[in-house]
Amino acid sequence: MAKLLPSATNMSGPDLITIGKIVAPHGVRGDVRILPLTDFPDRFHDLTTVFVDDVGQLKLESARQHKKMILLKFSGFDSMNDSERLRGKLIKISRQDAVKLPEGQYYIFDIIGLTVVTEDGEQLGSITDVLQPGSNDVYVVKQQNNKELLLPAIKEVVKKIDLAGKQMVVKLQEEMD
């Protein structure tokens, strides 16, 4: 079925997508070490600005790989003391800057919140989580009676994903031939 990418978890509304966390200052020139929270760490090299929690939009001067981390240099952060106040903050980008995915692939944050209906139009609930146990993802659907329904993300079950309409059409396994 649709491949879901956990990268870029949406942490603060529909317009900003989290792609990294500032772990610590790096060196004396104001660089910071970033833990990438994305399946696309190379994206940092193409960015010119990012949003940082409680700070706002910052301009990037440089980005480079360092072991499993990314080192970023922000304009106006020219010492270790300057960059220390960024420790632990999340780095976000606008949704329009998200990596475009191939057809049939979705970000998890796009799937969470979709209304789930059967092919007959019966509303089952909404997706509250996506589990990734192994061979295929599993959608957690909170039903109106507050019980959870687990749906495997396989083409035999998931018939249609309509992000614009905020809906997923499914065929329950009991109904399958």
N, C-alpha and C. Protein backbone atom coordinates (compact mmCIF):
# COMPACT_ATOMS: atom_id res chain seq x y z
N MET A 1 0.84 -1.19 0.00
CA MET A 1 0.00 0.00 0.00
C MET A 1 0.87 1.23 0.00
N ALA A 2 0.33 2.33 0.38
CA ALA A 2 1.02 3.61 0.38
C ALA A 2 2.17 3.59 1.37
N LYS A 3 3.33 3.99 0.90
CA LYS A 3 4.49 4.07 1.78
C LYS A 3 4.40 5.37 2.56
N LEU A 4 4.53 5.26 3.87
CA LEU A 4 4.48 6.45 4.72
C LEU A 4 5.88 6.80 5.18
N LEU A 5 6.15 8.06 5.23
CA LEU A 5 7.45 8.52 5.69
C LEU A 5 7.27 9.24 7.02
N PRO A 6 8.01 8.79 8.04
CA PRO A 6 7.87 9.41 9.34
C PRO A 6 8.55 10.77 9.41
N SER A 7 9.36 11.07 8.44
CA SER A 7 10.11 12.31 8.49
C SER A 7 9.20 13.51 8.57
N ALA A 8 9.78 14.56 9.06
CA ALA A 8 9.10 15.85 9.09
C ALA A 8 7.80 15.80 9.87
N THR A 9 7.88 15.31 11.06
CA THR A 9 6.71 15.26 11.90
C THR A 9 6.13 16.65 12.09
N ASN A 10 4.87 16.79 11.95
CA ASN A 10 4.22 18.08 12.09
C ASN A 10 4.00 18.35 13.57
N MET A 11 4.66 19.38 14.11
CA MET A 11 4.63 19.63 15.54
C MET A 11 3.82 20.85 15.92
N SER A 12 3.45 21.71 14.97
CA SER A 12 2.76 22.93 15.40
C SER A 12 1.85 23.46 14.31
N GLY A 13 0.89 22.68 13.95
CA GLY A 13 -0.08 23.16 13.00
C GLY A 13 0.25 22.74 11.58
N PRO A 14 -0.65 23.07 10.68
CA PRO A 14 -0.54 22.57 9.32
C PRO A 14 0.50 23.26 8.46
N ASP A 15 1.04 24.40 8.90
CA ASP A 15 1.94 25.14 8.03
C ASP A 15 3.42 24.90 8.27
N LEU A 16 3.80 24.36 9.42
CA LEU A 16 5.20 24.12 9.73
C LEU A 16 5.45 22.64 9.98
N ILE A 17 6.58 22.16 9.46
CA ILE A 17 6.94 20.76 9.56
C ILE A 17 8.30 20.67 10.24
N THR A 18 8.40 19.88 11.29
CA THR A 18 9.66 19.71 12.01
C THR A 18 10.59 18.80 11.22
N ILE A 19 11.83 19.26 11.04
CA ILE A 19 12.81 18.45 10.30
C ILE A 19 14.08 18.19 11.09
N GLY A 20 14.22 18.80 12.26
CA GLY A 20 15.42 18.58 13.04
C GLY A 20 15.33 19.16 14.43
N LYS A 21 16.28 18.75 15.26
CA LYS A 21 16.36 19.26 16.63
C LYS A 21 17.79 19.73 16.88
N ILE A 22 17.91 20.91 17.45
CA ILE A 22 19.23 21.45 17.78
C ILE A 22 19.70 20.77 19.06
N VAL A 23 20.81 20.04 18.95
CA VAL A 23 21.32 19.26 20.06
C VAL A 23 22.25 20.09 20.94
N ALA A 24 23.15 20.85 20.30
CA ALA A 24 24.14 21.60 21.07
C ALA A 24 24.90 22.54 20.14
N PRO A 25 25.57 23.53 20.74
CA PRO A 25 26.50 24.34 19.94
C PRO A 25 27.66 23.45 19.46
N HIS A 26 28.31 23.87 18.40
CA HIS A 26 29.45 23.12 17.88
C HIS A 26 30.56 24.11 17.54
N GLY A 27 31.63 24.06 18.28
CA GLY A 27 32.74 24.98 18.03
C GLY A 27 32.47 26.36 18.60
N VAL A 28 33.38 27.30 18.27
CA VAL A 28 33.31 28.63 18.85
C VAL A 28 32.73 29.68 17.91
N ARG A 29 32.39 29.30 16.68
CA ARG A 29 31.90 30.27 15.69
C ARG A 29 30.38 30.37 15.59
N GLY A 30 29.65 29.65 16.46
CA GLY A 30 28.21 29.77 16.47
C GLY A 30 27.47 28.67 15.73
N ASP A 31 28.19 27.67 15.21
CA ASP A 31 27.52 26.54 14.56
C ASP A 31 26.73 25.75 15.60
N VAL A 32 25.72 25.04 15.14
CA VAL A 32 24.95 24.15 16.02
C VAL A 32 24.86 22.77 15.38
N ARG A 33 24.84 21.75 16.25
CA ARG A 33 24.65 20.37 15.80
C ARG A 33 23.17 20.07 15.76
N ILE A 34 22.74 19.49 14.65
CA ILE A 34 21.34 19.18 14.41
C ILE A 34 21.16 17.67 14.32
N LEU A 35 20.19 17.16 15.06
CA LEU A 35 19.75 15.78 14.89
C LEU A 35 18.67 15.81 13.82
N PRO A 36 18.93 15.25 12.64
CA PRO A 36 17.89 15.29 11.59
C PRO A 36 16.68 14.44 11.99
N LEU A 37 15.50 15.00 11.83
CA LEU A 37 14.25 14.28 12.07
C LEU A 37 13.52 14.18 10.73
N THR A 38 14.22 13.71 9.74
CA THR A 38 13.73 13.65 8.38
C THR A 38 14.36 12.47 7.66
N ASP A 39 13.65 11.95 6.69
CA ASP A 39 14.21 10.91 5.83
C ASP A 39 15.08 11.52 4.74
N PHE A 40 15.14 12.84 4.70
CA PHE A 40 15.86 13.56 3.64
C PHE A 40 16.85 14.55 4.25
N PRO A 41 17.91 14.08 4.92
CA PRO A 41 18.84 15.01 5.57
C PRO A 41 19.58 15.93 4.59
N ASP A 42 19.66 15.55 3.34
CA ASP A 42 20.32 16.42 2.35
C ASP A 42 19.55 17.72 2.15
N ARG A 43 18.28 17.76 2.56
CA ARG A 43 17.45 18.95 2.37
C ARG A 43 18.07 20.17 3.05
N PHE A 44 18.83 19.97 4.12
CA PHE A 44 19.42 21.09 4.83
C PHE A 44 20.35 21.91 3.93
N HIS A 45 20.99 21.26 2.97
CA HIS A 45 21.92 21.95 2.07
C HIS A 45 21.21 22.90 1.11
N ASP A 46 19.93 22.68 0.86
CA ASP A 46 19.17 23.49 -0.09
C ASP A 46 18.36 24.60 0.57
N LEU A 47 18.30 24.61 1.89
CA LEU A 47 17.48 25.59 2.59
C LEU A 47 18.21 26.92 2.75
N THR A 48 17.46 28.00 2.69
CA THR A 48 18.02 29.33 2.94
C THR A 48 17.52 29.90 4.25
N THR A 49 16.31 29.50 4.66
CA THR A 49 15.76 29.92 5.95
C THR A 49 15.03 28.76 6.59
N VAL A 50 14.95 28.80 7.90
CA VAL A 50 14.18 27.82 8.68
C VAL A 50 13.50 28.57 9.82
N PHE A 51 12.57 27.89 10.46
CA PHE A 51 11.90 28.44 11.64
C PHE A 51 12.41 27.67 12.85
N VAL A 52 12.74 28.39 13.91
CA VAL A 52 13.22 27.77 15.14
C VAL A 52 12.25 28.13 16.26
N ASP A 53 11.84 27.11 17.02
CA ASP A 53 10.90 27.32 18.14
C ASP A 53 11.31 28.51 18.99
N ASP A 54 10.35 29.33 19.34
CA ASP A 54 10.52 30.47 20.25
C ASP A 54 11.54 31.50 19.77
N VAL A 55 12.05 31.36 18.56
CA VAL A 55 13.03 32.31 18.04
C VAL A 55 12.48 32.98 16.78
N GLY A 56 11.87 32.19 15.91
CA GLY A 56 11.34 32.71 14.66
C GLY A 56 12.13 32.23 13.47
N GLN A 57 12.03 32.98 12.39
CA GLN A 57 12.69 32.59 11.15
C GLN A 57 14.16 33.02 11.19
N LEU A 58 15.04 32.08 10.84
CA LEU A 58 16.47 32.36 10.82
C LEU A 58 17.03 32.06 9.45
N LYS A 59 18.00 32.87 9.05
CA LYS A 59 18.67 32.68 7.76
C LYS A 59 19.86 31.75 7.96
N LEU A 60 19.99 30.79 7.04
CA LEU A 60 21.10 29.85 7.10
C LEU A 60 22.28 30.38 6.29
N GLU A 61 23.46 30.33 6.90
CA GLU A 61 24.69 30.69 6.17
C GLU A 61 25.34 29.45 5.57
N SER A 62 25.26 28.32 6.30
CA SER A 62 25.88 27.10 5.78
C SER A 62 25.26 25.87 6.44
N ALA A 63 25.42 24.75 5.76
CA ALA A 63 24.99 23.45 6.27
C ALA A 63 25.98 22.42 5.78
N ARG A 64 26.39 21.55 6.69
CA ARG A 64 27.31 20.47 6.28
C ARG A 64 27.09 19.24 7.16
N GLN A 65 27.42 18.11 6.62
CA GLN A 65 27.28 16.83 7.32
C GLN A 65 28.46 16.68 8.28
N HIS A 66 28.19 16.15 9.46
CA HIS A 66 29.24 15.85 10.43
C HIS A 66 28.83 14.58 11.16
N LYS A 67 29.43 13.47 10.78
CA LYS A 67 29.06 12.15 11.30
C LYS A 67 27.58 11.92 11.01
N LYS A 68 26.77 11.65 12.03
CA LYS A 68 25.34 11.42 11.79
C LYS A 68 24.52 12.68 12.04
N MET A 69 25.20 13.78 12.23
CA MET A 69 24.56 15.06 12.52
C MET A 69 24.74 16.01 11.33
N ILE A 70 24.00 17.09 11.39
CA ILE A 70 24.14 18.19 10.44
C ILE A 70 24.64 19.39 11.24
N LEU A 71 25.60 20.10 10.71
CA LEU A 71 26.06 21.33 11.34
C LEU A 71 25.48 22.50 10.57
N LEU A 72 24.80 23.38 11.28
CA LEU A 72 24.21 24.56 10.66
C LEU A 72 24.84 25.80 11.26
N LYS A 73 24.97 26.82 10.41
CA LYS A 73 25.42 28.14 10.85
C LYS A 73 24.32 29.12 10.49
N PHE A 74 23.79 29.82 11.51
CA PHE A 74 22.74 30.81 11.31
C PHE A 74 23.35 32.21 11.28
N SER A 75 22.81 33.08 10.46
CA SER A 75 23.23 34.48 10.44
C SER A 75 22.94 35.10 11.80
N GLY A 76 23.92 35.85 12.31
CA GLY A 76 23.75 36.54 13.59
C GLY A 76 24.10 35.71 14.80
N PHE A 77 24.42 34.46 14.63
CA PHE A 77 24.86 33.60 15.72
C PHE A 77 26.33 33.30 15.48
N ASP A 78 27.18 34.13 16.10
CA ASP A 78 28.60 34.10 15.75
C ASP A 78 29.51 33.58 16.85
N SER A 79 28.92 33.10 17.94
CA SER A 79 29.74 32.53 19.02
C SER A 79 29.00 31.37 19.65
N MET A 80 29.74 30.63 20.44
CA MET A 80 29.13 29.51 21.16
C MET A 80 28.04 30.04 22.10
N ASN A 81 28.26 31.17 22.72
CA ASN A 81 27.26 31.75 23.62
C ASN A 81 25.99 32.13 22.87
N ASP A 82 26.14 32.68 21.66
CA ASP A 82 24.97 33.02 20.85
C ASP A 82 24.13 31.78 20.56
N SER A 83 24.79 30.71 20.15
CA SER A 83 24.06 29.51 19.72
C SER A 83 23.59 28.65 20.88
N GLU A 84 24.13 28.85 22.07
CA GLU A 84 23.72 28.06 23.25
C GLU A 84 22.23 28.21 23.52
N ARG A 85 21.67 29.38 23.28
CA ARG A 85 20.24 29.58 23.56
C ARG A 85 19.33 28.82 22.61
N LEU A 86 19.90 28.22 21.57
CA LEU A 86 19.11 27.42 20.62
C LEU A 86 19.04 25.94 21.02
N ARG A 87 19.83 25.56 21.99
CA ARG A 87 19.91 24.15 22.41
C ARG A 87 18.51 23.60 22.72
N GLY A 88 18.20 22.42 22.15
CA GLY A 88 16.95 21.73 22.41
C GLY A 88 15.77 22.21 21.58
N LYS A 89 15.95 23.24 20.80
CA LYS A 89 14.84 23.79 20.00
C LYS A 89 14.67 22.99 18.71
N LEU A 90 13.44 22.99 18.19
CA LEU A 90 13.12 22.27 16.96
C LEU A 90 13.27 23.19 15.76
N ILE A 91 13.75 22.61 14.67
CA ILE A 91 13.89 23.33 13.40
C ILE A 91 12.74 22.90 12.51
N LYS A 92 12.07 23.89 11.93
CA LYS A 92 10.90 23.62 11.10
C LYS A 92 11.03 24.34 9.77
N ILE A 93 10.29 23.83 8.81
CA ILE A 93 10.20 24.47 7.50
C ILE A 93 8.72 24.66 7.17
N SER A 94 8.46 25.53 6.22
CA SER A 94 7.07 25.69 5.79
C SER A 94 6.68 24.46 4.98
N ARG A 95 5.42 24.15 5.03
CA ARG A 95 4.91 22.96 4.34
C ARG A 95 5.24 22.98 2.84
N GLN A 96 5.25 24.16 2.24
CA GLN A 96 5.55 24.25 0.81
C GLN A 96 6.99 23.85 0.49
N ASP A 97 7.87 23.85 1.51
CA ASP A 97 9.25 23.44 1.31
C ASP A 97 9.48 21.96 1.55
N ALA A 98 8.43 21.22 1.88
CA ALA A 98 8.56 19.78 2.11
C ALA A 98 8.96 19.09 0.81
N VAL A 99 9.72 18.01 0.96
CA VAL A 99 10.12 17.22 -0.20
C VAL A 99 8.87 16.63 -0.84
N LYS A 100 8.74 16.80 -2.14
CA LYS A 100 7.59 16.23 -2.86
C LYS A 100 7.77 14.72 -2.94
N LEU A 101 6.72 14.01 -2.57
CA LEU A 101 6.77 12.54 -2.58
C LEU A 101 6.16 11.99 -3.86
N PRO A 102 6.62 10.80 -4.26
CA PRO A 102 6.00 10.16 -5.43
C PRO A 102 4.54 9.83 -5.15
N GLU A 103 3.77 9.69 -6.20
CA GLU A 103 2.36 9.34 -6.07
C GLU A 103 2.22 8.05 -5.27
N GLY A 104 1.24 8.03 -4.36
CA GLY A 104 1.00 6.85 -3.54
C GLY A 104 1.81 6.83 -2.25
N GLN A 105 2.66 7.84 -2.02
CA GLN A 105 3.40 7.95 -0.77
C GLN A 105 2.93 9.19 -0.04
N TYR A 106 2.87 9.07 1.28
CA TYR A 106 2.32 10.15 2.10
C TYR A 106 3.16 10.33 3.35
N TYR A 107 3.18 11.55 3.83
CA TYR A 107 3.77 11.79 5.14
C TYR A 107 2.76 11.35 6.20
N ILE A 108 3.27 10.85 7.32
CA ILE A 108 2.40 10.41 8.40
C ILE A 108 1.52 11.56 8.86
N PHE A 109 2.07 12.77 8.94
CA PHE A 109 1.25 13.88 9.43
C PHE A 109 0.11 14.21 8.48
N ASP A 110 0.20 13.78 7.22
CA ASP A 110 -0.92 13.97 6.30
C ASP A 110 -2.02 12.93 6.54
N ILE A 111 -1.64 11.77 7.03
CA ILE A 111 -2.59 10.67 7.25
C ILE A 111 -3.35 10.86 8.57
N ILE A 112 -2.63 11.30 9.60
CA ILE A 112 -3.27 11.48 10.91
C ILE A 112 -4.34 12.56 10.79
N GLY A 113 -5.53 12.23 11.28
CA GLY A 113 -6.65 13.16 11.23
C GLY A 113 -7.64 12.87 10.12
N LEU A 114 -7.27 12.00 9.17
CA LEU A 114 -8.21 11.67 8.10
C LEU A 114 -9.42 10.93 8.68
N THR A 115 -10.58 11.22 8.13
CA THR A 115 -11.79 10.49 8.48
C THR A 115 -11.78 9.18 7.69
N VAL A 116 -12.09 8.09 8.36
CA VAL A 116 -12.09 6.78 7.72
C VAL A 116 -13.53 6.34 7.50
N VAL A 117 -13.83 5.99 6.25
CA VAL A 117 -15.17 5.51 5.89
C VAL A 117 -15.04 4.22 5.10
N THR A 118 -16.09 3.40 5.17
CA THR A 118 -16.10 2.17 4.38
C THR A 118 -16.51 2.52 2.95
N GLU A 119 -16.39 1.56 2.07
CA GLU A 119 -16.81 1.76 0.68
C GLU A 119 -18.30 2.06 0.59
N ASP A 120 -19.05 1.62 1.60
CA ASP A 120 -20.49 1.89 1.64
C ASP A 120 -20.83 3.24 2.26
N GLY A 121 -19.83 3.98 2.68
CA GLY A 121 -20.05 5.31 3.25
C GLY A 121 -20.22 5.35 4.76
N GLU A 122 -20.07 4.21 5.43
CA GLU A 122 -20.19 4.18 6.89
C GLU A 122 -18.94 4.81 7.52
N GLN A 123 -19.15 5.80 8.37
CA GLN A 123 -18.01 6.46 9.02
C GLN A 123 -17.52 5.61 10.17
N LEU A 124 -16.21 5.29 10.17
CA LEU A 124 -15.62 4.46 11.21
C LEU A 124 -14.95 5.27 12.31
N GLY A 125 -14.47 6.45 11.98
CA GLY A 125 -13.75 7.28 12.96
C GLY A 125 -12.65 8.06 12.25
N SER A 126 -11.64 8.46 13.03
CA SER A 126 -10.53 9.19 12.42
C SER A 126 -9.20 8.59 12.86
N ILE A 127 -8.21 8.77 12.02
CA ILE A 127 -6.88 8.20 12.28
C ILE A 127 -6.17 9.06 13.32
N THR A 128 -5.74 8.41 14.41
CA THR A 128 -5.05 9.12 15.48
C THR A 128 -3.56 8.81 15.54
N ASP A 129 -3.15 7.71 14.88
CA ASP A 129 -1.74 7.33 14.93
C ASP A 129 -1.45 6.39 13.77
N VAL A 130 -0.18 6.28 13.44
CA VAL A 130 0.28 5.32 12.44
C VAL A 130 1.40 4.52 13.09
N LEU A 131 1.19 3.23 13.22
CA LEU A 131 2.19 2.33 13.78
C LEU A 131 3.03 1.77 12.65
N GLN A 132 4.31 1.55 12.93
CA GLN A 132 5.20 0.99 11.91
C GLN A 132 5.91 -0.24 12.48
N PRO A 133 5.16 -1.34 12.62
CA PRO A 133 5.71 -2.54 13.25
C PRO A 133 6.63 -3.37 12.36
N GLY A 134 6.60 -3.17 11.06
CA GLY A 134 7.45 -3.99 10.21
C GLY A 134 7.04 -3.97 8.77
N SER A 135 6.42 -5.06 8.33
CA SER A 135 6.16 -5.24 6.90
C SER A 135 5.22 -4.19 6.32
N ASN A 136 4.24 -3.75 7.08
CA ASN A 136 3.36 -2.67 6.61
C ASN A 136 2.93 -1.82 7.79
N ASP A 137 2.57 -0.59 7.49
CA ASP A 137 2.09 0.31 8.53
C ASP A 137 0.70 -0.14 8.98
N VAL A 138 0.31 0.34 10.15
CA VAL A 138 -1.01 0.05 10.70
C VAL A 138 -1.62 1.38 11.15
N TYR A 139 -2.82 1.66 10.66
CA TYR A 139 -3.52 2.89 11.02
C TYR A 139 -4.35 2.64 12.28
N VAL A 140 -4.24 3.53 13.25
CA VAL A 140 -5.03 3.47 14.47
C VAL A 140 -6.21 4.42 14.27
N VAL A 141 -7.42 3.85 14.26
CA VAL A 141 -8.63 4.63 14.03
C VAL A 141 -9.40 4.70 15.35
N LYS A 142 -9.63 5.92 15.83
CA LYS A 142 -10.45 6.10 17.03
C LYS A 142 -11.89 6.20 16.58
N GLN A 143 -12.69 5.23 17.06
CA GLN A 143 -14.10 5.18 16.69
C GLN A 143 -14.92 6.08 17.60
N GLN A 144 -16.16 6.30 17.24
CA GLN A 144 -17.03 7.19 18.02
C GLN A 144 -17.27 6.66 19.42
N ASN A 145 -17.17 5.34 19.64
CA ASN A 145 -17.35 4.75 20.97
C ASN A 145 -16.03 4.76 21.75
N ASN A 146 -15.03 5.49 21.23
CA ASN A 146 -13.69 5.64 21.82
C ASN A 146 -12.85 4.37 21.77
N LYS A 147 -13.33 3.31 21.14
CA LYS A 147 -12.50 2.12 20.93
C LYS A 147 -11.59 2.36 19.74
N GLU A 148 -10.47 1.63 19.73
CA GLU A 148 -9.54 1.76 18.62
C GLU A 148 -9.71 0.60 17.65
N LEU A 149 -9.67 0.93 16.38
CA LEU A 149 -9.70 -0.05 15.31
C LEU A 149 -8.35 0.02 14.62
N LEU A 150 -7.71 -1.12 14.45
CA LEU A 150 -6.42 -1.17 13.77
C LEU A 150 -6.61 -1.66 12.34
N LEU A 151 -6.15 -0.85 11.39
CA LEU A 151 -6.29 -1.20 9.98
C LEU A 151 -4.92 -1.33 9.34
N PRO A 152 -4.63 -2.47 8.71
CA PRO A 152 -3.35 -2.59 8.02
C PRO A 152 -3.32 -1.70 6.77
N ALA A 153 -2.20 -1.07 6.53
CA ALA A 153 -2.06 -0.19 5.37
C ALA A 153 -1.65 -1.03 4.16
N ILE A 154 -2.61 -1.82 3.69
CA ILE A 154 -2.39 -2.66 2.51
C ILE A 154 -3.47 -2.36 1.48
N LYS A 155 -3.16 -2.61 0.23
CA LYS A 155 -4.09 -2.22 -0.84
C LYS A 155 -5.41 -2.97 -0.79
N GLU A 156 -5.44 -4.14 -0.14
CA GLU A 156 -6.70 -4.87 0.00
C GLU A 156 -7.64 -4.18 0.98
N VAL A 157 -7.10 -3.37 1.87
CA VAL A 157 -7.90 -2.68 2.88
C VAL A 157 -8.10 -1.21 2.51
N VAL A 158 -7.01 -0.51 2.23
CA VAL A 158 -7.10 0.92 1.92
C VAL A 158 -7.37 1.08 0.43
N LYS A 159 -8.56 1.56 0.11
CA LYS A 159 -8.97 1.68 -1.29
C LYS A 159 -8.68 3.05 -1.87
N LYS A 160 -8.73 4.09 -1.03
CA LYS A 160 -8.52 5.44 -1.56
C LYS A 160 -8.09 6.37 -0.42
N ILE A 161 -7.12 7.21 -0.72
CA ILE A 161 -6.72 8.26 0.21
C ILE A 161 -6.93 9.58 -0.51
N ASP A 162 -7.79 10.41 0.09
CA ASP A 162 -8.12 11.71 -0.48
C ASP A 162 -7.69 12.78 0.52
N LEU A 163 -6.43 13.27 0.37
CA LEU A 163 -5.92 14.27 1.32
C LEU A 163 -6.72 15.56 1.26
N ALA A 164 -7.09 15.98 0.06
CA ALA A 164 -7.86 17.23 -0.09
C ALA A 164 -9.21 17.12 0.61
N GLY A 165 -9.85 15.97 0.50
CA GLY A 165 -11.14 15.74 1.14
C GLY A 165 -11.02 15.23 2.56
N LYS A 166 -9.78 15.04 3.03
CA LYS A 166 -9.49 14.57 4.40
C LYS A 166 -10.20 13.26 4.72
N GLN A 167 -10.11 12.32 3.76
CA GLN A 167 -10.84 11.07 3.92
C GLN A 167 -10.05 9.88 3.38
N MET A 168 -10.24 8.75 4.04
CA MET A 168 -9.68 7.48 3.59
C MET A 168 -10.83 6.50 3.46
N VAL A 169 -10.91 5.85 2.31
CA VAL A 169 -11.94 4.85 2.07
C VAL A 169 -11.29 3.47 2.25
N VAL A 170 -11.95 2.61 3.05
CA VAL A 170 -11.39 1.29 3.34
C VAL A 170 -12.42 0.19 3.11
N LYS A 171 -11.90 -0.99 2.95
CA LYS A 171 -12.72 -2.20 2.89
C LYS A 171 -12.27 -3.06 4.06
N LEU A 172 -13.17 -3.24 5.03
CA LEU A 172 -12.81 -4.00 6.22
C LEU A 172 -12.50 -5.43 5.86
N GLN A 173 -11.59 -6.05 6.57
CA GLN A 173 -11.14 -7.40 6.25
C GLN A 173 -12.25 -8.42 6.29
N GLU A 174 -13.19 -8.27 7.22
CA GLU A 174 -14.29 -9.23 7.29
C GLU A 174 -15.10 -9.24 5.99
N GLU A 175 -15.11 -8.09 5.31
CA GLU A 175 -15.90 -7.94 4.09
C GLU A 175 -15.18 -8.44 2.85
N MET A 176 -13.86 -8.69 2.99
CA MET A 176 -13.10 -9.06 1.80
C MET A 176 -13.42 -10.49 1.38
N ASP A 177 -13.38 -10.70 0.04
CA ASP A 177 -13.68 -12.04 -0.50
C ASP A 177 -12.47 -12.94 -0.41
